[in-house]
PDB file of N, CA and C in Angstrom:
ATOM      1  N   MET A   1     -25.097 156.869  70.887  1.00  0.00           N
ATOM      2  CA  MET A   1     -24.633 155.772  69.833  1.00  0.00           C
ATOM      3  C   MET A   1     -26.066 154.980  69.969  1.00  0.00           C
ATOM      4  N   TYR A   2     -26.392 154.643  71.141  1.00  0.00           N
ATOM      5  CA  TYR A   2     -27.562 153.367  71.237  1.00  0.00           C
ATOM      6  C   TYR A   2     -29.259 153.875  70.008  1.00  0.00           C
ATOM      7  N   ALA A   3     -28.746 155.027  70.317  1.00  0.00           N
ATOM      8  CA  ALA A   3     -30.281 155.732  69.684  1.00  0.00           C
ATOM      9  C   ALA A   3     -29.664 155.124  68.105  1.00  0.00           C
ATOM     10  N   ARG A   4     -28.979 155.559  67.978  1.00  0.00           N
ATOM     11  CA  ARG A   4     -28.330 155.670  65.991  1.00  0.00           C
ATOM     12  C   ARG A   4     -28.275 154.354  65.774  1.00  0.00           C
ATOM     13  N   PHE A   5     -27.973 153.567  66.664  1.00  0.00           N
ATOM     14  CA  PHE A   5     -27.961 151.952  66.581  1.00  0.00           C
ATOM     15  C   PHE A   5     -29.602 151.423  66.402  1.00  0.00           C
ATOM     16  N   LEU A   6     -29.987 151.991  66.666  1.00  0.00           N
ATOM     17  CA  LEU A   6     -31.731 151.322  67.087  1.00  0.00           C
ATOM     18  C   LEU A   6     -32.646 152.130  65.315  1.00  0.00           C
ATOM     19  N   ILE A   7     -32.045 153.037  65.728  1.00  0.00           N
ATOM     20  CA  ILE A   7     -32.718 153.585  64.108  1.00  0.00           C
ATOM     21  C   ILE A   7     -32.235 152.910  63.028  1.00  0.00           C
ATOM     22  N   LEU A   8     -31.211 152.568  62.847  1.00  0.00           N
ATOM     23  CA  LEU A   8     -30.246 151.438  62.259  1.00  0.00           C
ATOM     24  C   LEU A   8     -31.247 150.324  61.718  1.00  0.00           C
ATOM     25  N   LEU A   9     -31.105 149.486  62.770  1.00  0.00           N
ATOM     26  CA  LEU A   9     -32.013 148.246  63.094  1.00  0.00           C
ATOM     27  C   LEU A   9     -33.304 148.138  62.417  1.00  0.00           C
ATOM     28  N   LEU A  10     -34.008 149.791  62.785  1.00  0.00           N
ATOM     29  CA  LEU A  10     -35.674 150.263  62.189  1.00  0.00           C
ATOM     30  C   LEU A  10     -35.317 150.386  60.914  1.00  0.00           C
ATOM     31  N   TRP A  11     -34.276 150.870  59.903  1.00  0.00           N
ATOM     32  CA  TRP A  11     -34.006 151.603  58.960  1.00  0.00           C
ATOM     33  C   TRP A  11     -34.126 149.976  58.002  1.00  0.00           C
ATOM     34  N   LEU A  12     -33.474 148.841  58.523  1.00  0.00           N
ATOM     35  CA  LEU A  12     -33.142 148.018  57.485  1.00  0.00           C
ATOM     36  C   LEU A  12     -34.357 146.917  57.800  1.00  0.00           C
ATOM     37  N   GLY A  13     -35.051 147.031  58.748  1.00  0.00           N
ATOM     38  CA  GLY A  13     -36.366 146.562  58.476  1.00  0.00           C
ATOM     39  C   GLY A  13     -37.198 146.841  58.046  1.00  0.00           C
ATOM     40  N   VAL A  14     -37.581 148.274  57.684  1.00  0.00           N
ATOM     41  CA  VAL A  14     -38.226 148.433  56.753  1.00  0.00           C
ATOM     42  C   VAL A  14     -37.675 148.325  55.288  1.00  0.00           C
ATOM     43  N   ASN A  15     -36.603 148.918  54.776  1.00  0.00           N
ATOM     44  CA  ASN A  15     -35.795 148.913  53.573  1.00  0.00           C
ATOM     45  C   ASN A  15     -34.984 147.573  53.416  1.00  0.00           C
ATOM     46  N   GLY A  16     -34.758 146.815  54.393  1.00  0.00           N
ATOM     47  CA  GLY A  16     -33.751 145.268  54.008  1.00  0.00           C
ATOM     48  C   GLY A  16     -34.191 144.201  53.196  1.00  0.00           C
ATOM     49  N   PRO A  17     -33.604 143.678  52.798  1.00  0.00           N
ATOM     50  CA  PRO A  17     -34.282 142.546  51.687  1.00  0.00           C
ATOM     51  C   PRO A  17     -35.346 141.896  52.714  1.00  0.00           C
ATOM     52  N   LEU A  18     -36.430 141.467  51.680  1.00  0.00           N
ATOM     53  CA  LEU A  18     -37.690 140.526  52.201  1.00  0.00           C
ATOM     54  C   LEU A  18     -37.623 139.240  51.841  1.00  0.00           C
ATOM     55  N   MET A  19     -37.908 138.400  52.864  1.00  0.00           N
ATOM     56  CA  MET A  19     -37.377 136.708  53.374  1.00  0.00           C
ATOM     57  C   MET A  19     -38.856 136.494  52.983  1.00  0.00           C
ATOM     58  N   ALA A  20     -38.972 135.627  51.649  1.00  0.00           N
ATOM     59  CA  ALA A  20     -40.120 135.101  50.927  1.00  0.00           C
ATOM     60  C   ALA A  20     -40.185 133.944  51.648  1.00  0.00           C
ATOM     61  N   HIS A  21     -41.273 132.878  51.697  1.00  0.00           N
ATOM     62  CA  HIS A  21     -42.116 131.749  52.055  1.00  0.00           C
ATOM     63  C   HIS A  21     -41.630 131.502  50.794  1.00  0.00           C
ATOM     64  N   ALA A  22     -41.843 130.051  50.919  1.00  0.00           N
ATOM     65  CA  ALA A  22     -42.134 129.302  49.573  1.00  0.00           C
ATOM     66  C   ALA A  22     -43.256 129.102  49.038  1.00  0.00           C
ATOM     67  N   VAL A  23     -43.961 129.955  48.424  1.00  0.00           N
ATOM     68  CA  VAL A  23     -45.427 129.503  47.875  1.00  0.00           C
ATOM     69  C   VAL A  23     -45.494 128.578  46.482  1.00  0.00           C
ATOM     70  N   VAL A  24     -46.560 128.256  46.682  1.00  0.00           N
ATOM     71  CA  VAL A  24     -47.142 127.621  45.388  1.00  0.00           C
ATOM     72  C   VAL A  24     -47.336 128.355  44.243  1.00  0.00           C
ATOM     73  N   THR A  25     -46.837 128.391  42.980  1.00  0.00           N
ATOM     74  CA  THR A  25     -47.301 129.516  42.251  1.00  0.00           C
ATOM     75  C   THR A  25     -47.954 128.835  40.907  1.00  0.00           C
ATOM     76  N   GLU A  26     -47.362 127.451  40.752  1.00  0.00           N
ATOM     77  CA  GLU A  26     -48.498 126.629  40.172  1.00  0.00           C
ATOM     78  C   GLU A  26     -48.124 125.571  40.260  1.00  0.00           C
ATOM     79  N   SER A  27     -49.930 124.508  39.800  1.00  0.00           N
ATOM     80  CA  SER A  27     -49.876 123.327  40.388  1.00  0.00           C
ATOM     81  C   SER A  27     -50.518 122.505  39.060  1.00  0.00           C
ATOM     82  N   SER A  28     -49.899 121.225  38.824  1.00  0.00           N
ATOM     83  CA  SER A  28     -50.363 120.480  37.392  1.00  0.00           C
ATOM     84  C   SER A  28     -52.111 119.820  38.238  1.00  0.00           C
ATOM     85  N   LEU A  29     -52.227 120.360  39.224  1.00  0.00           N
ATOM     86  CA  LEU A  29     -53.762 119.453  39.462  1.00  0.00           C
ATOM     87  C   LEU A  29     -54.561 120.549  38.959  1.00  0.00           C
ATOM     88  N   THR A  30     -54.514 121.792  38.905  1.00  0.00           N
ATOM     89  CA  THR A  30     -54.907 122.507  38.525  1.00  0.00           C
ATOM     90  C   THR A  30     -55.840 122.371  36.500  1.00  0.00           C
ATOM     91  N   ARG A  31     -54.673 122.038  36.200  1.00  0.00           N
ATOM     92  CA  ARG A  31     -54.674 121.156  34.548  1.00  0.00           C
ATOM     93  C   ARG A  31     -54.841 120.352  34.119  1.00  0.00           C
ATOM     94  N   GLU A  32     -54.878 119.091  34.818  1.00  0.00           N
ATOM     95  CA  GLU A  32     -54.679 117.910  34.776  1.00  0.00           C
ATOM     96  C   GLU A  32     -55.397 117.279  35.656  1.00  0.00           C
ATOM     97  N   PRO A  33     -56.864 116.984  35.708  1.00  0.00           N
ATOM     98  CA  PRO A  33     -57.425 116.166  37.123  1.00  0.00           C
ATOM     99  C   PRO A  33     -56.710 114.874  37.219  1.00  0.00           C
ATOM    100  N   ILE A  34     -56.437 114.107  38.074  1.00  0.00           N
ATOM    101  CA  ILE A  34     -55.757 112.725  38.381  1.00  0.00           C
ATOM    102  C   ILE A  34     -56.786 111.821  38.326  1.00  0.00           C
ATOM    103  N   LYS A  35     -56.506 110.870  37.293  1.00  0.00           N
ATOM    104  CA  LYS A  35     -57.699 109.466  36.590  1.00  0.00           C
ATOM    105  C   LYS A  35     -57.080 108.674  37.949  1.00  0.00           C
ATOM    106  N   ALA A  36     -58.282 108.122  37.859  1.00  0.00           N
ATOM    107  CA  ALA A  36     -57.859 106.803  39.043  1.00  0.00           C
ATOM    108  C   ALA A  36     -57.416 105.712  38.305  1.00  0.00           C
ATOM    109  N   HIS A  37     -56.976 104.600  39.447  1.00  0.00           N
ATOM    110  CA  HIS A  37     -56.457 103.679  38.998  1.00  0.00           C
ATOM    111  C   HIS A  37     -55.116 103.333  37.777  1.00  0.00           C
ATOM    112  N   ARG A  38     -54.190 105.182  37.818  1.00  0.00           N
ATOM    113  CA  ARG A  38     -52.966 105.198  37.357  1.00  0.00           C
ATOM    114  C   ARG A  38     -52.384 106.153  38.093  1.00  0.00           C
ATOM    115  N   GLU A  39     -50.825 105.436  37.757  1.00  0.00           N
ATOM    116  CA  GLU A  39     -49.687 106.078  38.571  1.00  0.00           C
ATOM    117  C   GLU A  39     -49.482 107.894  38.052  1.00  0.00           C
ATOM    118  N   THR A  40     -49.391 108.514  38.733  1.00  0.00           N
ATOM    119  CA  THR A  40     -49.366 110.075  38.468  1.00  0.00           C
ATOM    120  C   THR A  40     -47.947 110.893  38.949  1.00  0.00           C
ATOM    121  N   THR A  41     -47.802 111.902  38.159  1.00  0.00           N
ATOM    122  CA  THR A  41     -46.953 112.644  38.390  1.00  0.00           C
ATOM    123  C   THR A  41     -47.216 113.529  38.726  1.00  0.00           C
ATOM    124  N   VAL A  42     -47.299 114.623  39.943  1.00  0.00           N
ATOM    125  CA  VAL A  42     -47.875 116.084  39.957  1.00  0.00           C
ATOM    126  C   VAL A  42     -46.505 117.210  39.851  1.00  0.00           C
ATOM    127  N   LEU A  43     -46.730 117.960  39.079  1.00  0.00           N
ATOM    128  CA  LEU A  43     -45.660 118.978  39.855  1.00  0.00           C
ATOM    129  C   LEU A  43     -46.419 120.277  40.056  1.00  0.00           C
ATOM    130  N   LEU A  44     -45.579 120.883  40.903  1.00  0.00           N
ATOM    131  CA  LEU A  44     -45.848 121.728  41.590  1.00  0.00           C
ATOM    132  C   LEU A  44     -44.570 122.748  41.502  1.00  0.00           C
ATOM    133  N   ALA A  45     -44.700 124.243  41.465  1.00  0.00           N
ATOM    134  CA  ALA A  45     -43.863 125.246  41.209  1.00  0.00           C
ATOM    135  C   ALA A  45     -43.876 126.076  42.436  1.00  0.00           C
ATOM    136  N   PHE A  46     -42.646 127.027  43.084  1.00  0.00           N
ATOM    137  CA  PHE A  46     -42.816 127.387  43.975  1.00  0.00           C
ATOM    138  C   PHE A  46     -42.194 128.555  43.449  1.00  0.00           C
ATOM    139  N   ASN A  47     -42.383 129.746  43.993  1.00  0.00           N
ATOM    140  CA  ASN A  47     -41.860 131.335  44.316  1.00  0.00           C
ATOM    141  C   ASN A  47     -39.820 131.306  44.396  1.00  0.00           C
ATOM    142  N   SER A  48     -39.689 130.164  45.049  1.00  0.00           N
ATOM    143  CA  SER A  48     -38.434 129.912  45.266  1.00  0.00           C
ATOM    144  C   SER A  48     -37.703 128.770  45.459  1.00  0.00           C
ATOM    145  N   ASN A  49     -36.407 128.621  45.629  1.00  0.00           N
ATOM    146  CA  ASN A  49     -35.918 127.101  45.282  1.00  0.00           C
ATOM    147  C   ASN A  49     -35.950 126.440  47.050  1.00  0.00           C
ATOM    148  N   VAL A  50     -36.711 125.082  46.627  1.00  0.00           N
ATOM    149  CA  VAL A  50     -36.716 124.583  47.921  1.00  0.00           C
ATOM    150  C   VAL A  50     -35.879 123.693  48.174  1.00  0.00           C
ATOM    151  N   GLU A  51     -35.375 123.358  49.536  1.00  0.00           N
ATOM    152  CA  GLU A  51     -34.485 122.617  50.365  1.00  0.00           C
ATOM    153  C   GLU A  51     -35.084 121.067  50.228  1.00  0.00           C
ATOM    154  N   LEU A  52     -34.848 120.610  49.467  1.00  0.00           N
ATOM    155  CA  LEU A  52     -36.276 118.945  48.613  1.00  0.00           C
ATOM    156  C   LEU A  52     -35.712 117.719  50.435  1.00  0.00           C
ATOM    157  N   SER A  53     -33.865 118.011  50.347  1.00  0.00           N
ATOM    158  CA  SER A  53     -33.868 117.102  51.943  1.00  0.00           C
ATOM    159  C   SER A  53     -34.573 117.058  52.899  1.00  0.00           C
ATOM    160  N   LEU A  54     -34.616 118.960  52.973  1.00  0.00           N
ATOM    161  CA  LEU A  54     -34.949 119.157  54.560  1.00  0.00           C
ATOM    162  C   LEU A  54     -36.826 119.481  54.246  1.00  0.00           C
ATOM    163  N   SER A  55     -37.027 119.172  53.538  1.00  0.00           N
ATOM    164  CA  SER A  55     -38.838 118.651  52.958  1.00  0.00           C
ATOM    165  C   SER A  55     -39.649 117.649  52.978  1.00  0.00           C
ATOM    166  N   ARG A  56     -40.753 117.762  53.574  1.00  0.00           N
ATOM    167  CA  ARG A  56     -41.537 116.368  53.581  1.00  0.00           C
ATOM    168  C   ARG A  56     -43.204 116.845  52.621  1.00  0.00           C
ATOM    169  N   PHE A  57     -43.256 115.264  51.884  1.00  0.00           N
ATOM    170  CA  PHE A  57     -44.652 115.519  51.006  1.00  0.00           C
ATOM    171  C   PHE A  57     -45.246 114.364  51.672  1.00  0.00           C
ATOM    172  N   PHE A  58     -46.718 114.745  51.719  1.00  0.00           N
ATOM    173  CA  PHE A  58     -47.687 113.474  52.047  1.00  0.00           C
ATOM    174  C   PHE A  58     -48.391 113.256  51.354  1.00  0.00           C
ATOM    175  N   LEU A  59     -49.214 112.340  51.229  1.00  0.00           N
ATOM    176  CA  LEU A  59     -50.388 111.895  50.626  1.00  0.00           C
ATOM    177  C   LEU A  59     -51.319 111.813  51.606  1.00  0.00           C
ATOM    178  N   VAL A  60     -52.619 112.671  51.416  1.00  0.00           N
ATOM    179  CA  VAL A  60     -53.415 112.448  52.848  1.00  0.00           C
ATOM    180  C   VAL A  60     -54.650 111.959  52.160  1.00  0.00           C
ATOM    181  N   SER A  61     -55.116 110.507  52.337  1.00  0.00           N
ATOM    182  CA  SER A  61     -56.052 109.895  52.306  1.00  0.00           C
ATOM    183  C   SER A  61     -57.112 109.889  53.463  1.00  0.00           C
ATOM    184  N   SER A  62     -58.834 108.931  52.619  1.00  0.00           N
ATOM    185  CA  SER A  62     -59.467 109.424  53.872  1.00  0.00           C
ATOM    186  C   SER A  62     -59.170 108.863  54.929  1.00  0.00           C
ATOM    187  N   GLY A  63     -59.784 109.234  56.093  1.00  0.00           N
ATOM    188  CA  GLY A  63     -59.615 108.721  57.551  1.00  0.00           C
ATOM    189  C   GLY A  63     -58.224 109.194  58.085  1.00  0.00           C
ATOM    190  N   ASP A  64     -57.491 110.910  57.473  1.00  0.00           N
ATOM    191  CA  ASP A  64     -56.430 111.443  57.720  1.00  0.00           C
ATOM    192  C   ASP A  64     -55.104 110.187  57.605  1.00  0.00           C
ATOM    193  N   VAL A  65     -55.354 109.508  56.798  1.00  0.00           N
ATOM    194  CA  VAL A  65     -54.141 108.157  56.659  1.00  0.00           C
ATOM    195  C   VAL A  65     -53.070 109.478  55.890  1.00  0.00           C
ATOM    196  N   HIS A  66     -51.933 109.783  56.202  1.00  0.00           N
ATOM    197  CA  HIS A  66     -50.832 110.288  55.507  1.00  0.00           C
ATOM    198  C   HIS A  66     -49.803 108.982  55.553  1.00  0.00           C
ATOM    199  N   GLN A  67     -49.277 109.226  53.999  1.00  0.00           N
ATOM    200  CA  GLN A  67     -48.525 108.524  53.329  1.00  0.00           C
ATOM    201  C   GLN A  67     -47.296 108.954  53.021  1.00  0.00           C
ATOM    202  N   PRO A  68     -45.747 108.764  53.093  1.00  0.00           N
ATOM    203  CA  PRO A  68     -44.859 109.708  52.292  1.00  0.00           C
ATOM    204  C   PRO A  68     -44.996 109.698  51.079  1.00  0.00           C
ATOM    205  N   ALA A  69     -44.644 110.325  50.316  1.00  0.00           N
ATOM    206  CA  ALA A  69     -44.956 110.855  49.319  1.00  0.00           C
ATOM    207  C   ALA A  69     -43.637 110.770  48.448  1.00  0.00           C
ATOM    208  N   ARG A  70     -43.365 110.082  47.331  1.00  0.00           N
ATOM    209  CA  ARG A  70     -42.016 110.459  47.190  1.00  0.00           C
ATOM    210  C   ARG A  70     -41.601 111.571  45.897  1.00  0.00           C
ATOM    211  N   VAL A  71     -40.590 112.476  46.377  1.00  0.00           N
ATOM    212  CA  VAL A  71     -40.411 113.523  45.282  1.00  0.00           C
ATOM    213  C   VAL A  71     -38.954 113.274  44.786  1.00  0.00           C
ATOM    214  N   ASP A  72     -39.112 114.447  43.990  1.00  0.00           N
ATOM    215  CA  ASP A  72     -37.770 114.862  43.282  1.00  0.00           C
ATOM    216  C   ASP A  72     -37.996 115.952  42.743  1.00  0.00           C
ATOM    217  N   LYS A  73     -36.724 116.805  42.115  1.00  0.00           N
ATOM    218  CA  LYS A  73     -36.455 118.524  41.801  1.00  0.00           C
ATOM    219  C   LYS A  73     -37.137 117.768  40.485  1.00  0.00           C
ATOM    220  N   GLY A  74     -37.944 119.032  40.345  1.00  0.00           N
ATOM    221  CA  GLY A  74     -38.262 119.032  38.829  1.00  0.00           C
ATOM    222  C   GLY A  74     -37.374 119.918  37.343  1.00  0.00           C
ATOM    223  N   SER A  75     -37.870 119.836  36.439  1.00  0.00           N
ATOM    224  CA  SER A  75     -36.782 120.849  35.341  1.00  0.00           C
ATOM    225  C   SER A  75     -36.462 122.003  35.834  1.00  0.00           C
ATOM    226  N   LYS A  76     -37.155 122.905  36.297  1.00  0.00           N
ATOM    227  CA  LYS A  76     -36.860 124.030  36.266  1.00  0.00           C
ATOM    228  C   LYS A  76     -36.666 124.238  38.139  1.00  0.00           C
ATOM    229  N   PRO A  77     -35.529 125.603  38.119  1.00  0.00           N
ATOM    230  CA  PRO A  77     -35.700 126.066  39.466  1.00  0.00           C
ATOM    231  C   PRO A  77     -37.108 125.934  40.560  1.00  0.00           C
ATOM    232  N   GLY A  78     -37.102 125.766  41.397  1.00  0.00           N
ATOM    233  CA  GLY A  78     -38.096 126.099  42.269  1.00  0.00           C
ATOM    234  C   GLY A  78     -39.335 124.559  42.141  1.00  0.00           C
ATOM    235  N   GLN A  79     -38.916 124.086  40.769  1.00  0.00           N
ATOM    236  CA  GLN A  79     -40.355 122.740  40.619  1.00  0.00           C
ATOM    237  C   GLN A  79     -39.453 121.690  41.304  1.00  0.00           C
ATOM    238  N   ILE A  80     -41.048 121.016  41.929  1.00  0.00           N
ATOM    239  CA  ILE A  80     -41.080 119.688  42.214  1.00  0.00           C
ATOM    240  C   ILE A  80     -41.667 118.810  41.743  1.00  0.00           C
ATOM    241  N   ARG A  81     -41.596 117.499  41.722  1.00  0.00           N
ATOM    242  CA  ARG A  81     -42.506 116.539  41.051  1.00  0.00           C
ATOM    243  C   ARG A  81     -42.962 115.181  42.465  1.00  0.00           C
ATOM    244  N   ILE A  82     -43.989 115.073  42.641  1.00  0.00           N
ATOM    245  CA  ILE A  82     -44.654 114.131  43.399  1.00  0.00           C
ATOM    246  C   ILE A  82     -44.847 113.221  42.782  1.00  0.00           C
ATOM    247  N   HIS A  83     -44.466 111.878  43.419  1.00  0.00           N
ATOM    248  CA  HIS A  83     -44.694 110.728  42.545  1.00  0.00           C
ATOM    249  C   HIS A  83     -46.055 109.919  43.138  1.00  0.00           C
ATOM    250  N   LEU A  84     -47.267 110.041  42.707  1.00  0.00           N
ATOM    251  CA  LEU A  84     -48.384 109.594  43.587  1.00  0.00           C
ATOM    252  C   LEU A  84     -48.182 107.881  42.996  1.00  0.00           C
ATOM    253  N   PRO A  85     -49.062 106.983  43.611  1.00  0.00           N
ATOM    254  CA  PRO A  85     -49.416 105.912  43.174  1.00  0.00           C
ATOM    255  C   PRO A  85     -50.604 105.468  43.008  1.00  0.00           C
ATOM    256  N   ALA A  86     -51.139 104.381  42.418  1.00  0.00           N
ATOM    257  CA  ALA A  86     -52.629 104.525  41.667  1.00  0.00           C
ATOM    258  C   ALA A  86     -53.556 104.450  42.723  1.00  0.00           C
ATOM    259  N   LEU A  87     -54.202 105.527  42.523  1.00  0.00           N
ATOM    260  CA  LEU A  87     -55.376 106.033  43.470  1.00  0.00           C
ATOM    261  C   LEU A  87     -56.745 105.753  43.204  1.00  0.00           C
ATOM    262  N   GLU A  88     -57.765 105.180  44.026  1.00  0.00           N
ATOM    263  CA  GLU A  88     -59.048 104.894  44.227  1.00  0.00           C
ATOM    264  C   GLU A  88     -59.983 106.603  43.879  1.00  0.00           C
ATOM    265  N   PRO A  89     -60.833 106.224  43.289  1.00  0.00           N
ATOM    266  CA  PRO A  89     -62.070 107.532  43.202  1.00  0.00           C
ATOM    267  C   PRO A  89     -62.271 107.759  44.840  1.00  0.00           C
ATOM    268  N   GLY A  90     -61.857 108.940  44.694  1.00  0.00           N
ATOM    269  CA  GLY A  90     -62.210 109.991  46.273  1.00  0.00           C
ATOM    270  C   GLY A  90     -61.703 110.961  46.294  1.00  0.00           C
ATOM    271  N   ASP A  91     -61.762 111.486  47.187  1.00  0.00           N
ATOM    272  CA  ASP A  91     -61.255 113.060  47.910  1.00  0.00           C
ATOM    273  C   ASP A  91     -59.935 112.809  48.896  1.00  0.00           C
ATOM    274  N   TYR A  92     -58.668 113.266  48.355  1.00  0.00           N
ATOM    275  CA  TYR A  92     -56.893 112.840  49.006  1.00  0.00           C
ATOM    276  C   TYR A  92     -56.806 114.476  49.076  1.00  0.00           C
ATOM    277  N   ALA A  93     -55.676 114.823  49.119  1.00  0.00           N
ATOM    278  CA  ALA A  93     -54.752 116.040  49.901  1.00  0.00           C
ATOM    279  C   ALA A  93     -53.481 115.335  49.669  1.00  0.00           C
ATOM    280  N   LEU A  94     -52.732 116.634  49.145  1.00  0.00           N
ATOM    281  CA  LEU A  94     -51.179 116.948  49.440  1.00  0.00           C
ATOM    282  C   LEU A  94     -50.825 117.347  50.335  1.00  0.00           C
ATOM    283  N   LYS A  95     -50.036 117.248  51.664  1.00  0.00           N
ATOM    284  CA  LYS A  95     -49.704 118.248  52.917  1.00  0.00           C
ATOM    285  C   LYS A  95     -48.459 117.983  52.603  1.00  0.00           C
ATOM    286  N   TYR A  96     -47.752 119.541  52.610  1.00  0.00           N
ATOM    287  CA  TYR A  96     -46.199 119.432  52.732  1.00  0.00           C
ATOM    288  C   TYR A  96     -46.098 120.302  53.455  1.00  0.00           C
ATOM    289  N   LYS A  97     -44.710 120.328  54.064  1.00  0.00           N
ATOM    290  CA  LYS A  97     -43.666 121.388  54.804  1.00  0.00           C
ATOM    291  C   LYS A  97     -42.245 121.483  53.998  1.00  0.00           C
ATOM    292  N   VAL A  98     -42.418 122.729  53.046  1.00  0.00           N
ATOM    293  CA  VAL A  98     -40.736 122.552  52.579  1.00  0.00           C
ATOM    294  C   VAL A  98     -39.948 123.522  53.498  1.00  0.00           C
ATOM    295  N   PHE A  99     -38.904 123.874  52.879  1.00  0.00           N
ATOM    296  CA  PHE A  99     -37.967 124.432  53.248  1.00  0.00           C
ATOM    297  C   PHE A  99     -37.260 125.462  52.002  1.00  0.00           C
ATOM    298  N   ALA A 100     -37.635 126.942  51.948  1.00  0.00           N
ATOM    299  CA  ALA A 100     -36.905 127.308  50.650  1.00  0.00           C
ATOM    300  C   ALA A 100     -35.231 127.495  51.583  1.00  0.00           C
ATOM    301  N   ALA A 101     -34.873 128.122  50.015  1.00  0.00           N
ATOM    302  CA  ALA A 101     -33.479 128.351  49.946  1.00  0.00           C
ATOM    303  C   ALA A 101     -33.061 129.556  51.079  1.00  0.00           C
ATOM    304  N   ASP A 102     -34.110 130.183  51.343  1.00  0.00           N
ATOM    305  CA  ASP A 102     -33.867 131.322  52.584  1.00  0.00           C
ATOM    306  C   ASP A 102     -33.823 130.933  53.680  1.00  0.00           C
ATOM    307  N   GLY A 103     -34.387 129.476  54.279  1.00  0.00           N
ATOM    308  CA  GLY A 103     -34.604 129.008  55.261  1.00  0.00           C
ATOM    309  C   GLY A 103     -35.844 128.832  55.919  1.00  0.00           C
ATOM    310  N   HIS A 104     -37.163 129.540  55.192  1.00  0.00           N
ATOM    311  CA  HIS A 104     -38.211 129.589  55.995  1.00  0.00           C
ATOM    312  C   HIS A 104     -38.993 128.474  55.700  1.00  0.00           C
ATOM    313  N   LEU A 105     -39.769 128.228  56.419  1.00  0.00           N
ATOM    314  CA  LEU A 105     -40.749 126.929  56.687  1.00  0.00           C
ATOM    315  C   LEU A 105     -41.950 127.255  56.087  1.00  0.00           C
ATOM    316  N   THR A 106     -42.562 126.355  55.294  1.00  0.00           N
ATOM    317  CA  THR A 106     -43.759 126.924  54.972  1.00  0.00           C
ATOM    318  C   THR A 106     -44.954 125.353  54.576  1.00  0.00           C
ATOM    319  N   GLU A 107     -46.094 125.410  55.378  1.00  0.00           N
ATOM    320  CA  GLU A 107     -46.612 124.213  55.500  1.00  0.00           C
ATOM    321  C   GLU A 107     -48.107 124.607  54.621  1.00  0.00           C
ATOM    322  N   SER A 108     -48.676 123.704  53.975  1.00  0.00           N
ATOM    323  CA  SER A 108     -50.312 123.805  53.521  1.00  0.00           C
ATOM    324  C   SER A 108     -49.915 122.690  52.648  1.00  0.00           C
ATOM    325  N   VAL A 109     -51.801 122.642  52.849  1.00  0.00           N
ATOM    326  CA  VAL A 109     -52.336 121.440  51.946  1.00  0.00           C
ATOM    327  C   VAL A 109     -53.368 121.769  50.622  1.00  0.00           C
ATOM    328  N   ILE A 110     -52.714 120.824  49.623  1.00  0.00           N
ATOM    329  CA  ILE A 110     -53.577 120.860  48.199  1.00  0.00           C
ATOM    330  C   ILE A 110     -54.897 119.655  48.542  1.00  0.00           C
ATOM    331  N   ARG A 111     -55.997 120.300  48.442  1.00  0.00           N
ATOM    332  CA  ARG A 111     -56.819 119.321  48.432  1.00  0.00           C
ATOM    333  C   ARG A 111     -57.127 118.840  46.705  1.00  0.00           C
ATOM    334  N   PHE A 112     -57.680 117.294  46.522  1.00  0.00           N
ATOM    335  CA  PHE A 112     -58.050 117.000  45.206  1.00  0.00           C
ATOM    336  C   PHE A 112     -58.690 116.410  45.151  1.00  0.00           C
ATOM    337  N   ALA A 113     -59.014 115.692  44.035  1.00  0.00           N
ATOM    338  CA  ALA A 113     -60.816 114.859  43.823  1.00  0.00           C
ATOM    339  C   ALA A 113     -59.743 113.614  42.839  1.00  0.00           C
ATOM    340  N   VAL A 114     -60.074 112.651  42.982  1.00  0.00           N
ATOM    341  CA  VAL A 114     -59.695 111.295  42.087  1.00  0.00           C
ATOM    342  C   VAL A 114     -60.916 111.129  41.373  1.00  0.00           C
ATOM    343  N   GLY A 115     -61.469 111.100  40.386  1.00  0.00           N
ATOM    344  CA  GLY A 115     -62.372 110.919  39.633  1.00  0.00           C
ATOM    345  C   GLY A 115     -62.977 109.600  39.021  1.00  0.00           C
ATOM    346  N   GLY A 116     -63.829 108.750  38.860  1.00  0.00           N
ATOM    347  CA  GLY A 116     -63.974 106.976  38.340  1.00  0.00           C
ATOM    348  C   GLY A 116     -64.025 107.526  36.799  1.00  0.00           C
ATOM    349  N   GLN A 117     -63.964 106.349  36.127  1.00  0.00           N
ATOM    350  CA  GLN A 117     -63.884 106.104  34.878  1.00  0.00           C
ATOM    351  C   GLN A 117     -64.753 105.028  34.032  1.00  0.00           C
TER     352      GLN A 117
END
């Protein structure tokens, strides 16, 4: 009996549904560079829905300064809008911890530069 249960658990582990982490599949940062001295909205599209109330987004600037970013849901499932303040030219990053609808946590950093005008 125990052996059958163990085989069933192993079979489910191999053939059961896979739980995926929320992975960025598209970013407006790759299409539209951020311009200095202008407020900007960055769109991130994830491969699954994100529990926004359990997720955190930070703008990281020189000196490893973390500033919470204002975010809201985008117009499509899995899409997040990140509202950035007007930025000086330089190197920045978006650091995030998101909870996928399936409960998995994903942490990552997206680096970007703001060019001068």
